[in-house]
Protein backbone atom coordinates (compact mmCIF):
# COMPACT_ATOMS: atom_id res chain seq x y z
CA MET A 1 -30.43 -4.82 -7.10
CA ASP A 2 -33.84 -5.77 -5.81
CA ASP A 3 -36.87 -3.46 -5.62
CA LYS A 4 -36.43 -2.71 -1.91
CA GLN A 5 -32.84 -1.55 -2.38
CA ARG A 6 -33.83 0.55 -5.36
CA VAL A 7 -36.63 2.26 -3.42
CA GLU A 8 -34.20 3.03 -0.58
CA LEU A 9 -31.71 4.52 -3.02
CA ILE A 10 -34.39 6.66 -4.64
CA ARG A 11 -35.50 7.96 -1.22
CA LYS A 12 -31.90 8.79 -0.35
CA GLY A 13 -31.48 10.57 -3.69
CA ASN A 14 -34.65 12.58 -3.13
CA GLU A 15 -33.43 13.62 0.32
CA LEU A 16 -30.08 14.70 -1.10
CA PHE A 17 -31.77 16.59 -3.94
CA ASN A 18 -34.15 18.38 -1.57
CA SER A 19 -31.28 19.36 0.73
CA GLY A 20 -29.43 20.92 -2.22
CA GLU A 21 -26.78 18.24 -2.72
CA ILE A 22 -27.53 17.91 -6.40
CA GLU A 23 -24.38 16.10 -7.54
CA LYS A 24 -24.68 13.46 -4.82
CA ALA A 25 -28.37 13.02 -5.63
CA ALA A 26 -27.54 12.62 -9.32
CA ALA A 27 -25.01 9.89 -8.52
CA VAL A 28 -27.59 8.03 -6.43
CA PHE A 29 -30.30 8.43 -9.09
CA GLU A 30 -27.90 7.12 -11.73
CA LYS A 31 -26.97 4.13 -9.57
CA ALA A 32 -30.67 3.36 -9.00
CA GLY A 33 -31.52 3.90 -12.67
CA TYR A 34 -34.15 6.44 -11.63
CA ARG A 35 -34.89 8.39 -14.79
CA ASP A 36 -37.37 10.84 -13.24
CA GLY A 37 -34.76 11.90 -10.71
CA LEU A 38 -32.18 12.40 -13.45
CA VAL A 39 -34.66 14.54 -15.39
CA ARG A 40 -35.19 16.65 -12.25
CA VAL A 41 -31.42 17.12 -11.98
CA GLY A 42 -31.32 18.12 -15.65
CA ASP A 43 -34.18 20.56 -15.09
CA TYR A 44 -32.33 22.04 -12.12
CA TYR A 45 -29.27 22.76 -14.24
CA PHE A 46 -31.23 23.88 -17.30
CA PHE A 47 -33.91 26.08 -15.75
CA ASP A 48 -32.57 27.10 -12.33
CA LYS A 49 -28.83 27.38 -12.97
CA ARG A 50 -29.03 28.08 -16.73
CA LEU A 51 -26.25 25.60 -17.46
CA PRO A 52 -27.52 23.70 -20.51
CA LEU A 53 -24.36 21.66 -21.03
CA ASN A 54 -24.56 20.31 -17.48
CA ALA A 55 -28.25 19.59 -17.99
CA LEU A 56 -27.54 17.84 -21.29
CA LYS A 57 -25.55 15.14 -19.50
CA TYR A 58 -28.47 14.20 -17.24
CA TYR A 59 -31.09 14.45 -19.98
CA ARG A 60 -29.03 12.06 -22.11
CA ILE A 61 -28.62 9.57 -19.27
CA SER A 62 -32.35 9.71 -18.52
CA GLY A 63 -33.32 9.24 -22.16
CA SER A 64 -35.18 12.57 -22.35
CA LYS A 65 -34.86 12.96 -26.12
CA ASP A 66 -37.08 16.04 -26.32
CA MET A 67 -34.87 18.05 -23.98
CA VAL A 68 -31.67 16.81 -25.64
CA ASP A 69 -33.03 17.90 -29.02
CA GLN A 70 -34.08 21.26 -27.61
CA ILE A 71 -30.61 21.93 -26.23
CA TYR A 72 -28.98 20.88 -29.52
CA ASP A 73 -31.33 23.17 -31.46
CA ARG A 74 -30.43 26.08 -29.20
CA MET A 75 -26.73 25.36 -29.60
CA VAL A 76 -27.02 25.30 -33.39
CA TYR A 77 -29.01 28.54 -33.38
CA ALA A 78 -26.46 30.25 -31.12
CA LEU A 79 -23.59 29.06 -33.29
CA ALA A 80 -25.33 30.35 -36.42
CA GLN A 81 -25.85 33.75 -34.79
CA TRP A 82 -22.24 33.86 -33.71
CA ILE A 83 -21.00 33.01 -37.22
CA ARG A 84 -23.29 35.60 -38.80
CA ALA A 85 -22.11 38.26 -36.35
CA GLY A 86 -18.63 37.96 -37.87
CA ASP A 87 -20.00 38.60 -41.38
CA SER A 88 -21.05 42.27 -41.53
CA THR A 89 -22.49 41.96 -45.05
CA GLU A 90 -25.31 39.61 -44.09
CA LYS A 91 -28.24 40.51 -41.88
CA PRO A 92 -29.21 37.89 -39.30
CA ALA A 93 -32.08 35.75 -40.50
CA PRO A 94 -35.12 35.50 -38.27
CA ALA A 95 -35.39 32.31 -36.26
CA GLU A 96 -37.50 29.64 -37.90
CA VAL A 97 -39.87 27.62 -35.82
CA LYS A 98 -40.99 24.25 -37.15
CA LEU A 99 -44.21 22.95 -35.73
CA PRO A 100 -45.40 19.38 -36.06
CA PRO A 101 -48.24 18.85 -38.55
CA LEU A 102 -51.68 19.41 -37.13
CA LYS A 103 -53.89 16.41 -36.58
CA VAL A 104 -57.40 17.17 -37.77
CA SER A 105 -60.33 14.83 -37.46
CA PRO A 106 -61.75 13.68 -40.81
CA LYS A 107 -65.20 15.06 -39.95
CA LEU A 108 -63.79 18.50 -39.22
CA LYS A 109 -61.76 18.43 -42.42
CA MET A 110 -64.84 17.51 -44.49
CA ALA A 111 -66.86 20.29 -42.82
CA ALA A 112 -64.14 22.85 -43.58
CA GLU A 113 -63.92 21.74 -47.21
CA GLU A 114 -67.69 22.04 -47.55
CA ILE A 115 -67.64 25.56 -46.10
CA LEU A 116 -64.92 26.55 -48.57
CA LYS A 117 -66.93 25.09 -51.48
CA ASN A 118 -70.02 27.03 -50.41
CA GLN A 119 -68.06 30.28 -50.29
CA GLU A 120 -66.96 29.92 -53.92
């Protein structure tokens, strides 16, 4: 498929999406290999319709690893809560949030260490 055909397909997919024909738009976006359109379809299902399993399909096709991981994390959390609900002897554990390590500039780190030394 050449660039002109791809652009035409993307326009058609956008028109379908904007008119509410989401499934048809998704098929056109997939045929054109238009990842941004597929992400929009995934967002529609995830945020607007609250159907994460439908959204997962489009996020996977588009290569949106962050959203795929987020949906998997939510599924694991929900499963854990469901399993714990069957065991009346154990209280549900609070949800753990893992944040990426902070990136601190070396100058700021040295300044903070000096402040801590001066306080001792």
